[in-house]
Amino acid sequence: MEGRRLQIVQLARYVIGLTWIYHGIFPKLLQIAPLEQAMTGSLGFSDDITFYLVKIAGVAEVIFGLVFICYYRQKTVLLLNIIGLTGLLLFAAIMAPFVLLEAFNPITTNVPLIVLGYYLLKESTCCKD
């Protein structure tokens, strides 16, 4: 049973970390997705500033994904994950509420990652590896 728990912890660790990395690289760094551009642009900044904000967000997401993979047992990192995902979900809901009705939307991506993060948080506080 202990081995199974450790497998689930590792699976959650990599799913969350690699999702942050993916969402930093592909829709922000390699090519800015139109939705990313529109949502960030709705903050009212110029196109140039919006471009840099999206790129900075992409770098930050990649870095956080790597930090998460390396420090997934740290309560602060686990809480930052939950807070960050919740914040991004709220940002999408406020800035572009129509995306909540699309396929593969922030609810279907962020909520499962929040749940996995909560699982890791509970594992880190109840059962030390």
Protein backbone atom coordinates (compact mmCIF):
# COMPACT_ATOMS: atom_id res chain seq x y z
CA MET A 1 0.00 0.00 0.00
CA GLU A 2 2.88 2.39 0.79
CA GLY A 3 4.33 1.85 -2.70
CA ARG A 4 0.98 2.66 -4.30
CA ARG A 5 0.73 5.91 -2.30
CA LEU A 6 4.22 6.91 -3.42
CA GLN A 7 3.32 6.21 -7.04
CA ILE A 8 0.26 8.44 -6.76
CA VAL A 9 2.35 11.20 -5.16
CA GLN A 10 4.91 11.00 -7.97
CA LEU A 11 2.19 10.96 -10.62
CA ALA A 12 0.55 14.05 -9.09
CA ARG A 13 3.96 15.74 -8.81
CA TYR A 14 4.77 15.32 -12.48
CA VAL A 15 1.27 16.01 -13.80
CA ILE A 16 1.16 19.34 -11.96
CA GLY A 17 4.76 20.35 -12.68
CA LEU A 18 4.70 19.42 -16.34
CA THR A 19 1.34 21.15 -16.83
CA TRP A 20 2.83 24.41 -15.53
CA ILE A 21 5.80 23.93 -17.87
CA TYR A 22 3.61 23.11 -20.87
CA HIS A 23 1.35 26.11 -20.30
CA GLY A 24 4.39 28.34 -20.01
CA ILE A 25 6.14 27.10 -23.14
CA PHE A 26 3.49 26.46 -25.77
CA PRO A 27 0.77 29.13 -25.49
CA LYS A 28 3.14 31.84 -24.22
CA LEU A 29 6.79 31.40 -25.17
CA LEU A 30 6.91 29.54 -28.48
CA GLN A 31 3.89 31.30 -29.92
CA ILE A 32 1.42 33.47 -28.07
CA ALA A 33 -2.02 31.91 -28.27
CA PRO A 34 -4.71 34.38 -29.38
CA LEU A 35 -6.65 33.79 -26.16
CA GLU A 36 -3.57 34.58 -24.04
CA GLN A 37 -3.06 37.76 -26.05
CA ALA A 38 -6.72 38.77 -25.71
CA MET A 39 -6.99 38.08 -21.99
CA THR A 40 -3.74 39.85 -21.11
CA GLY A 41 -4.53 42.63 -23.56
CA SER A 42 -7.84 43.22 -21.79
CA LEU A 43 -5.83 44.63 -18.87
CA GLY A 44 -5.47 47.80 -20.93
CA PHE A 45 -1.76 47.83 -21.68
CA SER A 46 -0.22 48.54 -25.08
CA ASP A 47 0.44 45.67 -27.47
CA ASP A 48 4.16 45.78 -26.68
CA ILE A 49 3.63 45.63 -22.93
CA THR A 50 1.03 42.89 -23.36
CA PHE A 51 3.54 40.89 -25.42
CA TYR A 52 6.17 41.17 -22.67
CA LEU A 53 3.66 40.37 -19.92
CA VAL A 54 2.67 37.16 -21.70
CA LYS A 55 6.33 36.21 -22.21
CA ILE A 56 7.16 36.96 -18.56
CA ALA A 57 4.17 34.88 -17.47
CA GLY A 58 5.42 32.02 -19.66
CA VAL A 59 8.90 32.15 -18.12
CA ALA A 60 7.39 32.32 -14.63
CA GLU A 61 5.19 29.29 -15.33
CA VAL A 62 8.13 27.25 -16.62
CA ILE A 63 10.21 28.20 -13.59
CA PHE A 64 7.37 27.39 -11.22
CA GLY A 65 6.82 24.03 -12.92
CA LEU A 66 10.49 23.16 -12.40
CA VAL A 67 10.37 24.40 -8.80
CA PHE A 68 7.24 22.34 -8.23
CA ILE A 69 8.84 19.16 -9.56
CA CYS A 70 11.92 19.69 -7.38
CA TYR A 71 10.23 20.95 -4.20
CA TYR A 72 6.80 19.27 -4.32
CA ARG A 73 7.09 18.32 -0.63
CA GLN A 74 7.39 21.93 0.54
CA LYS A 75 4.15 23.27 1.97
CA THR A 76 4.84 26.76 0.59
CA VAL A 77 5.24 25.43 -2.97
CA LEU A 78 2.07 23.35 -2.64
CA LEU A 79 0.11 26.34 -1.36
CA LEU A 80 1.50 28.59 -4.12
CA ASN A 81 0.33 26.01 -6.66
CA ILE A 82 -3.22 26.00 -5.28
CA ILE A 83 -3.31 29.80 -4.95
CA GLY A 84 -1.83 30.30 -8.43
CA LEU A 85 -4.24 27.90 -10.13
CA THR A 86 -7.19 29.43 -8.29
CA GLY A 87 -6.03 32.93 -9.23
CA LEU A 88 -5.61 31.99 -12.89
CA LEU A 89 -9.07 30.41 -12.91
CA LEU A 90 -10.58 33.57 -11.43
CA PHE A 91 -8.60 35.74 -13.88
CA ALA A 92 -10.02 33.76 -16.80
CA ALA A 93 -13.54 33.88 -15.35
CA ILE A 94 -13.38 37.66 -14.93
CA MET A 95 -11.45 38.66 -18.05
CA ALA A 96 -12.92 36.15 -20.52
CA PRO A 97 -15.90 34.33 -18.95
CA PHE A 98 -16.85 32.80 -22.30
CA VAL A 99 -13.81 30.47 -22.06
CA LEU A 100 -15.47 28.65 -19.15
CA LEU A 101 -17.94 27.19 -21.65
CA GLU A 102 -15.31 26.04 -24.15
CA ALA A 103 -13.87 22.53 -24.38
CA PHE A 104 -10.70 22.04 -22.32
CA ASN A 105 -11.40 25.20 -20.38
CA PRO A 106 -9.83 26.53 -17.15
CA ILE A 107 -12.36 24.62 -15.05
CA THR A 108 -11.47 21.27 -16.60
CA THR A 109 -7.74 21.96 -16.33
CA ASN A 110 -7.29 24.01 -13.16
CA VAL A 111 -9.77 22.27 -10.85
CA PRO A 112 -8.23 18.79 -11.28
CA LEU A 113 -4.76 20.27 -10.73
CA ILE A 114 -6.01 22.05 -7.61
CA VAL A 115 -7.41 18.74 -6.35
CA LEU A 116 -4.10 16.96 -7.05
CA GLY A 117 -2.27 19.79 -5.30
CA TYR A 118 -4.57 19.47 -2.31
CA TYR A 119 -3.87 15.74 -2.23
CA LEU A 120 -0.12 16.43 -2.18
CA LEU A 121 -0.62 19.02 0.54
CA LYS A 122 -2.51 16.51 2.68
CA GLU A 123 0.14 13.87 2.02
CA SER A 124 2.91 16.27 3.01
CA THR A 125 1.25 17.14 6.31
CA CYS A 126 0.05 13.70 7.34
CA CYS A 127 2.61 11.24 6.00
CA LYS A 128 6.31 12.00 5.70
CA ASP A 129 8.16 9.99 3.01
